[in-house]
Amino acid sequence: KDFNGVVPSTTEELTTLAGVGRKTANVVQAVWFGKPT
């Protein structure tokens, strides 16, 4: 609905998703997007 089916890359956007807290957001950013989280 909000991201056209694409996983967002920021903590602010990721944590708007059900069940996604800061820890999960940090894992996705580090592992998939290569961010220093």
PDB file of all heavy atoms in Angstrom:
ATOM      1  N   LYS A   1       0.812  -1.218   0.000  1.00  0.00           N
ATOM      2  CA  LYS A   1       0.000   0.000   0.000  1.00  0.00           C
ATOM      3  C   LYS A   1       0.847   1.270   0.000  1.00  0.00           C
ATOM      4  O   LYS A   1       0.570   2.205  -0.772  1.00  0.00           O
ATOM      5  CB  LYS A   1      -0.924  -0.002   1.222  1.00  0.00           C
ATOM      6  CG  LYS A   1      -1.790   1.244   1.383  1.00  0.00           C
ATOM      7  CD  LYS A   1      -2.712   1.098   2.583  1.00  0.00           C
ATOM      8  CE  LYS A   1      -3.577   2.336   2.778  1.00  0.00           C
ATOM      9  NZ  LYS A   1      -2.774   3.493   3.240  1.00  0.00           N
ATOM     10  N   ASP A   2       1.877   1.311   0.841  1.00  0.00           N
ATOM     11  CA  ASP A   2       2.624   2.553   1.039  1.00  0.00           C
ATOM     12  C   ASP A   2       3.990   2.597   0.351  1.00  0.00           C
ATOM     13  O   ASP A   2       4.559   3.681   0.179  1.00  0.00           O
ATOM     14  CB  ASP A   2       2.826   2.815   2.533  1.00  0.00           C
ATOM     15  CG  ASP A   2       1.511   3.083   3.247  1.00  0.00           C
ATOM     16  OD1 ASP A   2       0.491   3.327   2.568  1.00  0.00           O
ATOM     17  OD2 ASP A   2       1.509   3.049   4.501  1.00  0.00           O
ATOM     18  N   PHE A   3       4.537   1.417  -0.009  1.00  0.00           N
ATOM     19  CA  PHE A   3       5.891   1.398  -0.564  1.00  0.00           C
ATOM     20  C   PHE A   3       5.983   0.630  -1.885  1.00  0.00           C
ATOM     21  O   PHE A   3       7.072   0.243  -2.297  1.00  0.00           O
ATOM     22  CB  PHE A   3       6.862   0.784   0.453  1.00  0.00           C
ATOM     23  CG  PHE A   3       6.930   1.520   1.761  1.00  0.00           C
ATOM     24  CD1 PHE A   3       6.227   1.061   2.871  1.00  0.00           C
ATOM     25  CD2 PHE A   3       7.683   2.679   1.891  1.00  0.00           C
ATOM     26  CE1 PHE A   3       6.282   1.733   4.089  1.00  0.00           C
ATOM     27  CE2 PHE A   3       7.750   3.364   3.103  1.00  0.00           C
ATOM     28  CZ  PHE A   3       7.043   2.894   4.205  1.00  0.00           C
ATOM     29  N   ASN A   4       4.834   0.406  -2.519  1.00  0.00           N
ATOM     30  CA  ASN A   4       4.811  -0.306  -3.807  1.00  0.00           C
ATOM     31  C   ASN A   4       5.482  -1.675  -3.733  1.00  0.00           C
ATOM     32  O   ASN A   4       6.068  -2.150  -4.714  1.00  0.00           O
ATOM     33  CB  ASN A   4       5.482   0.537  -4.896  1.00  0.00           C
ATOM     34  CG  ASN A   4       4.751   1.832  -5.169  1.00  0.00           C
ATOM     35  OD1 ASN A   4       3.515   1.843  -5.302  1.00  0.00           O
ATOM     36  ND2 ASN A   4       5.477   2.941  -5.244  1.00  0.00           N
ATOM     37  N   GLY A   5       5.408  -2.287  -2.547  1.00  0.00           N
ATOM     38  CA  GLY A   5       5.962  -3.624  -2.374  1.00  0.00           C
ATOM     39  C   GLY A   5       7.456  -3.671  -2.175  1.00  0.00           C
ATOM     40  O   GLY A   5       8.038  -4.751  -2.066  1.00  0.00           O
ATOM     41  N   VAL A   6       8.099  -2.500  -2.115  1.00  0.00           N
ATOM     42  CA  VAL A   6       9.559  -2.437  -1.979  1.00  0.00           C
ATOM     43  C   VAL A   6       9.936  -2.155  -0.524  1.00  0.00           C
ATOM     44  O   VAL A   6       9.391  -1.239   0.099  1.00  0.00           O
ATOM     45  CB  VAL A   6      10.141  -1.336  -2.880  1.00  0.00           C
ATOM     46  CG1 VAL A   6      11.647  -1.231  -2.693  1.00  0.00           C
ATOM     47  CG2 VAL A   6       9.796  -1.617  -4.336  1.00  0.00           C
ATOM     48  N   VAL A   7      10.850  -2.913   0.020  1.00  0.00           N
ATOM     49  CA  VAL A   7      11.303  -2.715   1.402  1.00  0.00           C
ATOM     50  C   VAL A   7      12.073  -1.406   1.487  1.00  0.00           C
ATOM     51  O   VAL A   7      13.055  -1.206   0.763  1.00  0.00           O
ATOM     52  CB  VAL A   7      12.198  -3.878   1.866  1.00  0.00           C
ATOM     53  CG1 VAL A   7      12.748  -3.608   3.257  1.00  0.00           C
ATOM     54  CG2 VAL A   7      11.404  -5.183   1.854  1.00  0.00           C
ATOM     55  N   PRO A   8      11.651  -0.498   2.367  1.00  0.00           N
ATOM     56  CA  PRO A   8      12.356   0.788   2.502  1.00  0.00           C
ATOM     57  C   PRO A   8      13.699   0.608   3.194  1.00  0.00           C
ATOM     58  O   PRO A   8      13.970  -0.425   3.810  1.00  0.00           O
ATOM     59  CB  PRO A   8      11.394   1.628   3.349  1.00  0.00           C
ATOM     60  CG  PRO A   8      10.644   0.606   4.160  1.00  0.00           C
ATOM     61  CD  PRO A   8      10.478  -0.581   3.256  1.00  0.00           C
ATOM     62  N   SER A   9      14.532   1.637   3.121  1.00  0.00           N
ATOM     63  CA  SER A   9      15.904   1.515   3.621  1.00  0.00           C
ATOM     64  C   SER A   9      16.203   2.351   4.854  1.00  0.00           C
ATOM     65  O   SER A   9      17.344   2.367   5.322  1.00  0.00           O
ATOM     66  CB  SER A   9      16.893   1.897   2.511  1.00  0.00           C
ATOM     67  OG  SER A   9      16.709   3.257   2.140  1.00  0.00           O
ATOM     68  N   THR A  10      15.211   3.058   5.401  1.00  0.00           N
ATOM     69  CA  THR A  10      15.476   3.900   6.564  1.00  0.00           C
ATOM     70  C   THR A  10      14.796   3.347   7.810  1.00  0.00           C
ATOM     71  O   THR A  10      13.763   2.672   7.721  1.00  0.00           O
ATOM     72  CB  THR A  10      14.987   5.343   6.332  1.00  0.00           C
ATOM     73  OG1 THR A  10      13.546   5.354   6.301  1.00  0.00           O
ATOM     74  CG2 THR A  10      15.531   5.906   5.042  1.00  0.00           C
ATOM     75  N   THR A  11      15.375   3.670   8.948  1.00  0.00           N
ATOM     76  CA  THR A  11      14.791   3.236  10.225  1.00  0.00           C
ATOM     77  C   THR A  11      13.383   3.783  10.382  1.00  0.00           C
ATOM     78  O   THR A  11      12.472   3.061  10.816  1.00  0.00           O
ATOM     79  CB  THR A  11      15.662   3.717  11.398  1.00  0.00           C
ATOM     80  OG1 THR A  11      16.973   3.178  11.279  1.00  0.00           O
ATOM     81  CG2 THR A  11      15.066   3.292  12.732  1.00  0.00           C
ATOM     82  N   GLU A  12      13.203   5.038  10.021  1.00  0.00           N
ATOM     83  CA  GLU A  12      11.905   5.689  10.190  1.00  0.00           C
ATOM     84  C   GLU A  12      10.824   4.971   9.399  1.00  0.00           C
ATOM     85  O   GLU A  12       9.707   4.758   9.885  1.00  0.00           O
ATOM     86  CB  GLU A  12      11.997   7.159   9.750  1.00  0.00           C
ATOM     87  CG  GLU A  12      12.867   8.033  10.647  1.00  0.00           C
ATOM     88  CD  GLU A  12      14.355   7.767  10.485  1.00  0.00           C
ATOM     89  OE1 GLU A  12      14.765   7.255   9.418  1.00  0.00           O
ATOM     90  OE2 GLU A  12      15.106   8.051  11.447  1.00  0.00           O
ATOM     91  N   GLU A  13      11.140   4.584   8.177  1.00  0.00           N
ATOM     92  CA  GLU A  13      10.146   3.907   7.337  1.00  0.00           C
ATOM     93  C   GLU A  13       9.959   2.446   7.749  1.00  0.00           C
ATOM     94  O   GLU A  13       8.834   1.953   7.822  1.00  0.00           O
ATOM     95  CB  GLU A  13      10.570   3.987   5.870  1.00  0.00           C
ATOM     96  CG  GLU A  13      10.513   5.388   5.280  1.00  0.00           C
ATOM     97  CD  GLU A  13      11.088   5.448   3.889  1.00  0.00           C
ATOM     98  OE1 GLU A  13      12.171   4.861   3.648  1.00  0.00           O
ATOM     99  OE2 GLU A  13      10.453   6.080   3.025  1.00  0.00           O
ATOM    100  N   LEU A  14      11.054   1.770   8.008  1.00  0.00           N
ATOM    101  CA  LEU A  14      10.967   0.360   8.370  1.00  0.00           C
ATOM    102  C   LEU A  14      10.154   0.147   9.642  1.00  0.00           C
ATOM    103  O   LEU A  14       9.365  -0.802   9.737  1.00  0.00           O
ATOM    104  CB  LEU A  14      12.372  -0.227   8.547  1.00  0.00           C
ATOM    105  CG  LEU A  14      13.138  -0.534   7.260  1.00  0.00           C
ATOM    106  CD1 LEU A  14      14.620  -0.731   7.549  1.00  0.00           C
ATOM    107  CD2 LEU A  14      12.553  -1.767   6.570  1.00  0.00           C
ATOM    108  N   THR A  15      10.327   1.020  10.607  1.00  0.00           N
ATOM    109  CA  THR A  15       9.636   0.835  11.884  1.00  0.00           C
ATOM    110  C   THR A  15       8.162   1.227  11.831  1.00  0.00           C
ATOM    111  O   THR A  15       7.467   1.108  12.830  1.00  0.00           O
ATOM    112  CB  THR A  15      10.343   1.615  13.015  1.00  0.00           C
ATOM    113  OG1 THR A  15      10.526   2.980  12.627  1.00  0.00           O
ATOM    114  CG2 THR A  15      11.685   0.985  13.346  1.00  0.00           C
ATOM    115  N   THR A  16       7.671   1.653  10.668  1.00  0.00           N
ATOM    116  CA  THR A  16       6.228   1.854  10.513  1.00  0.00           C
ATOM    117  C   THR A  16       5.544   0.542  10.158  1.00  0.00           C
ATOM    118  O   THR A  16       4.315   0.455  10.185  1.00  0.00           O
ATOM    119  CB  THR A  16       5.911   2.881   9.400  1.00  0.00           C
ATOM    120  OG1 THR A  16       6.309   2.366   8.125  1.00  0.00           O
ATOM    121  CG2 THR A  16       6.595   4.209   9.669  1.00  0.00           C
ATOM    122  N   LEU A  17       6.338  -0.480   9.841  1.00  0.00           N
ATOM    123  CA  LEU A  17       5.794  -1.775   9.455  1.00  0.00           C
ATOM    124  C   LEU A  17       5.485  -2.606  10.690  1.00  0.00           C
ATOM    125  O   LEU A  17       6.223  -2.590  11.676  1.00  0.00           O
ATOM    126  CB  LEU A  17       6.791  -2.522   8.574  1.00  0.00           C
ATOM    127  CG  LEU A  17       7.228  -1.807   7.291  1.00  0.00           C
ATOM    128  CD1 LEU A  17       8.374  -2.569   6.629  1.00  0.00           C
ATOM    129  CD2 LEU A  17       6.053  -1.667   6.333  1.00  0.00           C
ATOM    130  N   ALA A  18       4.400  -3.354  10.633  1.00  0.00           N
ATOM    131  CA  ALA A  18       3.971  -4.185  11.766  1.00  0.00           C
ATOM    132  C   ALA A  18       5.065  -5.174  12.157  1.00  0.00           C
ATOM    133  O   ALA A  18       5.653  -5.840  11.294  1.00  0.00           O
ATOM    134  CB  ALA A  18       2.696  -4.943  11.397  1.00  0.00           C
ATOM    135  N   GLY A  19       5.355  -5.237  13.444  1.00  0.00           N
ATOM    136  CA  GLY A  19       6.322  -6.192  13.954  1.00  0.00           C
ATOM    137  C   GLY A  19       7.775  -5.807  13.774  1.00  0.00           C
ATOM    138  O   GLY A  19       8.673  -6.554  14.169  1.00  0.00           O
ATOM    139  N   VAL A  20       8.030  -4.649  13.196  1.00  0.00           N
ATOM    140  CA  VAL A  20       9.412  -4.233  12.921  1.00  0.00           C
ATOM    141  C   VAL A  20       9.839  -3.158  13.910  1.00  0.00           C
ATOM    142  O   VAL A  20       9.350  -2.028  13.874  1.00  0.00           O
ATOM    143  CB  VAL A  20       9.565  -3.702  11.484  1.00  0.00           C
ATOM    144  CG1 VAL A  20      11.001  -3.249  11.234  1.00  0.00           C
ATOM    145  CG2 VAL A  20       9.162  -4.776  10.483  1.00  0.00           C
ATOM    146  N   GLY A  21      10.739  -3.541  14.818  1.00  0.00           N
ATOM    147  CA  GLY A  21      11.300  -2.594  15.763  1.00  0.00           C
ATOM    148  C   GLY A  21      12.673  -2.154  15.302  1.00  0.00           C
ATOM    149  O   GLY A  21      13.120  -2.481  14.196  1.00  0.00           O
ATOM    150  N   ARG A  22      13.359  -1.442  16.141  1.00  0.00           N
ATOM    151  CA  ARG A  22      14.672  -0.904  15.785  1.00  0.00           C
ATOM    152  C   ARG A  22      15.675  -2.007  15.474  1.00  0.00           C
ATOM    153  O   ARG A  22      16.474  -1.889  14.541  1.00  0.00           O
ATOM    154  CB  ARG A  22      15.199  -0.008  16.910  1.00  0.00           C
ATOM    155  CG  ARG A  22      16.513   0.679  16.558  1.00  0.00           C
ATOM    156  CD  ARG A  22      16.939   1.680  17.617  1.00  0.00           C
ATOM    157  NE  ARG A  22      18.161   2.362  17.211  1.00  0.00           N
ATOM    158  CZ  ARG A  22      18.205   3.418  16.422  1.00  0.00           C
ATOM    159  NH1 ARG A  22      17.086   3.917  15.940  1.00  0.00           N
ATOM    160  NH2 ARG A  22      19.361   3.977  16.088  1.00  0.00           N
ATOM    161  N   LYS A  23      15.649  -3.092  16.237  1.00  0.00           N
ATOM    162  CA  LYS A  23      16.598  -4.186  16.011  1.00  0.00           C
ATOM    163  C   LYS A  23      16.420  -4.784  14.622  1.00  0.00           C
ATOM    164  O   LYS A  23      17.392  -4.953  13.869  1.00  0.00           O
ATOM    165  CB  LYS A  23      16.433  -5.278  17.071  1.00  0.00           C
ATOM    166  CG  LYS A  23      17.347  -6.478  16.846  1.00  0.00           C
ATOM    167  CD  LYS A  23      17.157  -7.518  17.930  1.00  0.00           C
ATOM    168  CE  LYS A  23      15.850  -8.258  17.781  1.00  0.00           C
ATOM    169  NZ  LYS A  23      15.859  -9.171  16.581  1.00  0.00           N
ATOM    170  N   THR A  24      15.189  -5.110  14.278  1.00  0.00           N
ATOM    171  CA  THR A  24      14.923  -5.686  12.957  1.00  0.00           C
ATOM    172  C   THR A  24      15.283  -4.708  11.856  1.00  0.00           C
ATOM    173  O   THR A  24      15.886  -5.086  10.837  1.00  0.00           O
ATOM    174  CB  THR A  24      13.437  -6.080  12.842  1.00  0.00           C
ATOM    175  OG1 THR A  24      13.149  -7.100  13.800  1.00  0.00           O
ATOM    176  CG2 THR A  24      13.106  -6.607  11.454  1.00  0.00           C
ATOM    177  N   ALA A  25      14.950  -3.446  12.059  1.00  0.00           N
ATOM    178  CA  ALA A  25      15.285  -2.421  11.062  1.00  0.00           C
ATOM    179  C   ALA A  25      16.791  -2.326  10.863  1.00  0.00           C
ATOM    180  O   ALA A  25      17.276  -2.207   9.730  1.00  0.00           O
ATOM    181  CB  ALA A  25      14.722  -1.070  11.492  1.00  0.00           C
ATOM    182  N   ASN A  26      17.541  -2.405  11.943  1.00  0.00           N
ATOM    183  CA  ASN A  26      18.995  -2.321  11.852  1.00  0.00           C
ATOM    184  C   ASN A  26      19.583  -3.520  11.115  1.00  0.00           C
ATOM    185  O   ASN A  26      20.549  -3.385  10.354  1.00  0.00           O
ATOM    186  CB  ASN A  26      19.615  -2.211  13.242  1.00  0.00           C
ATOM    187  CG  ASN A  26      19.526  -0.810  13.812  1.00  0.00           C
ATOM    188  OD1 ASN A  26      19.177   0.136  13.110  1.00  0.00           O
ATOM    189  ND2 ASN A  26      19.834  -0.659  15.087  1.00  0.00           N
ATOM    190  N   VAL A  27      19.025  -4.708  11.351  1.00  0.00           N
ATOM    191  CA  VAL A  27      19.500  -5.905  10.651  1.00  0.00           C
ATOM    192  C   VAL A  27      19.296  -5.746   9.151  1.00  0.00           C
ATOM    193  O   VAL A  27      20.205  -6.000   8.348  1.00  0.00           O
ATOM    194  CB  VAL A  27      18.771  -7.172  11.151  1.00  0.00           C
ATOM    195  CG1 VAL A  27      19.081  -8.361  10.242  1.00  0.00           C
ATOM    196  CG2 VAL A  27      19.173  -7.495  12.575  1.00  0.00           C
ATOM    197  N   VAL A  28      18.112  -5.336   8.746  1.00  0.00           N
ATOM    198  CA  VAL A  28      17.804  -5.185   7.321  1.00  0.00           C
ATOM    199  C   VAL A  28      18.701  -4.131   6.680  1.00  0.00           C
ATOM    200  O   VAL A  28      19.232  -4.329   5.578  1.00  0.00           O
ATOM    201  CB  VAL A  28      16.316  -4.824   7.119  1.00  0.00           C
ATOM    202  CG1 VAL A  28      16.028  -4.466   5.662  1.00  0.00           C
ATOM    203  CG2 VAL A  28      15.430  -5.978   7.566  1.00  0.00           C
ATOM    204  N   GLN A  29      18.904  -3.026   7.375  1.00  0.00           N
ATOM    205  CA  GLN A  29      19.742  -1.965   6.819  1.00  0.00           C
ATOM    206  C   GLN A  29      21.189  -2.415   6.668  1.00  0.00           C
ATOM    207  O   GLN A  29      21.842  -2.119   5.665  1.00  0.00           O
ATOM    208  CB  GLN A  29      19.674  -0.724   7.716  1.00  0.00           C
ATOM    209  CG  GLN A  29      18.324  -0.013   7.650  1.00  0.00           C
ATOM    210  CD  GLN A  29      18.289   1.193   8.575  1.00  0.00           C
ATOM    211  OE1 GLN A  29      18.514   2.321   8.163  1.00  0.00           O
ATOM    212  NE2 GLN A  29      17.996   0.933   9.838  1.00  0.00           N
ATOM    213  N   ALA A  30      21.693  -3.135   7.658  1.00  0.00           N
ATOM    214  CA  ALA A  30      23.091  -3.578   7.610  1.00  0.00           C
ATOM    215  C   ALA A  30      23.294  -4.687   6.589  1.00  0.00           C
ATOM    216  O   ALA A  30      24.212  -4.635   5.765  1.00  0.00           O
ATOM    217  CB  ALA A  30      23.536  -4.045   8.994  1.00  0.00           C
ATOM    218  N   VAL A  31      22.436  -5.705   6.642  1.00  0.00           N
ATOM    219  CA  VAL A  31      22.632  -6.893   5.812  1.00  0.00           C
ATOM    220  C   VAL A  31      22.278  -6.640   4.350  1.00  0.00           C
ATOM    221  O   VAL A  31      23.018  -7.040   3.442  1.00  0.00           O
ATOM    222  CB  VAL A  31      21.811  -8.075   6.368  1.00  0.00           C
ATOM    223  CG1 VAL A  31      21.887  -9.274   5.431  1.00  0.00           C
ATOM    224  CG2 VAL A  31      22.299  -8.460   7.754  1.00  0.00           C
ATOM    225  N   TRP A  32      21.157  -5.989   4.105  1.00  0.00           N
ATOM    226  CA  TRP A  32      20.714  -5.808   2.723  1.00  0.00           C
ATOM    227  C   TRP A  32      21.237  -4.513   2.094  1.00  0.00           C
ATOM    228  O   TRP A  32      21.688  -4.503   0.958  1.00  0.00           O
ATOM    229  CB  TRP A  32      19.197  -5.856   2.621  1.00  0.00           C
ATOM    230  CG  TRP A  32      18.739  -5.858   1.190  1.00  0.00           C
ATOM    231  CD1 TRP A  32      18.285  -4.800   0.450  1.00  0.00           C
ATOM    232  CD2 TRP A  32      18.744  -6.983   0.302  1.00  0.00           C
ATOM    233  NE1 TRP A  32      18.006  -5.190  -0.843  1.00  0.00           N
ATOM    234  CE2 TRP A  32      18.279  -6.532  -0.963  1.00  0.00           C
ATOM    235  CE3 TRP A  32      19.107  -8.330   0.454  1.00  0.00           C
ATOM    236  CZ2 TRP A  32      18.155  -7.385  -2.054  1.00  0.00           C
ATOM    237  CZ3 TRP A  32      18.974  -9.173  -0.644  1.00  0.00           C
ATOM    238  CH2 TRP A  32      18.511  -8.695  -1.869  1.00  0.00           C
ATOM    239  N   PHE A  33      21.160  -3.439   2.858  1.00  0.00           N
ATOM    240  CA  PHE A  33      21.518  -2.144   2.297  1.00  0.00           C
ATOM    241  C   PHE A  33      22.957  -1.718   2.586  1.00  0.00           C
ATOM    242  O   PHE A  33      23.414  -0.683   2.103  1.00  0.00           O
ATOM    243  CB  PHE A  33      20.553  -1.066   2.809  1.00  0.00           C
ATOM    244  CG  PHE A  33      19.137  -1.265   2.338  1.00  0.00           C
ATOM    245  CD1 PHE A  33      18.172  -1.777   3.198  1.00  0.00           C
ATOM    246  CD2 PHE A  33      18.777  -0.964   1.034  1.00  0.00           C
ATOM    247  CE1 PHE A  33      16.858  -1.972   2.768  1.00  0.00           C
ATOM    248  CE2 PHE A  33      17.474  -1.142   0.592  1.00  0.00           C
ATOM    249  CZ  PHE A  33      16.508  -1.653   1.453  1.00  0.00           C
ATOM    250  N   GLY A  34      23.668  -2.526   3.387  1.00  0.00           N
ATOM    251  CA  GLY A  34      25.066  -2.239   3.655  1.00  0.00           C
ATOM    252  C   GLY A  34      25.316  -0.991   4.480  1.00  0.00           C
ATOM    253  O   GLY A  34      26.383  -0.380   4.393  1.00  0.00           O
ATOM    254  N   LYS A  35      24.355  -0.631   5.297  1.00  0.00           N
ATOM    255  CA  LYS A  35      24.505   0.568   6.116  1.00  0.00           C
ATOM    256  C   LYS A  35      25.214   0.230   7.429  1.00  0.00           C
ATOM    257  O   LYS A  35      25.124  -0.891   7.932  1.00  0.00           O
ATOM    258  CB  LYS A  35      23.132   1.177   6.420  1.00  0.00           C
ATOM    259  CG  LYS A  35      22.431   1.764   5.206  1.00  0.00           C
ATOM    260  CD  LYS A  35      21.167   2.501   5.629  1.00  0.00           C
ATOM    261  CE  LYS A  35      20.493   3.189   4.465  1.00  0.00           C
ATOM    262  NZ  LYS A  35      19.304   3.982   4.902  1.00  0.00           N
ATOM    263  N   PRO A  36      25.914   1.193   8.023  1.00  0.00           N
ATOM    264  CA  PRO A  36      26.600   0.959   9.293  1.00  0.00           C
ATOM    265  C   PRO A  36      25.638   1.033  10.476  1.00  0.00           C
ATOM    266  O   PRO A  36      25.680   1.969  11.282  1.00  0.00           O
ATOM    267  CB  PRO A  36      27.643   2.080   9.329  1.00  0.00           C
ATOM    268  CG  PRO A  36      26.998   3.199   8.576  1.00  0.00           C
ATOM    269  CD  PRO A  36      26.208   2.541   7.480  1.00  0.00           C
ATOM    270  N   THR A  37      24.737   0.060  10.559  1.00  0.00           N
ATOM    271  CA  THR A  37      23.803  -0.014  11.676  1.00  0.00           C
ATOM    272  C   THR A  37      24.120  -1.256  12.495  1.00  0.00           C
ATOM    273  O   THR A  37      24.616  -2.251  11.959  1.00  0.00           O
ATOM    274  CB  THR A  37      22.344  -0.073  11.198  1.00  0.00           C
ATOM    275  OG1 THR A  37      22.187  -1.196  10.296  1.00  0.00           O
ATOM    276  CG2 THR A  37      21.956   1.206  10.476  1.00  0.00           C
TER     277      THR A  37
END
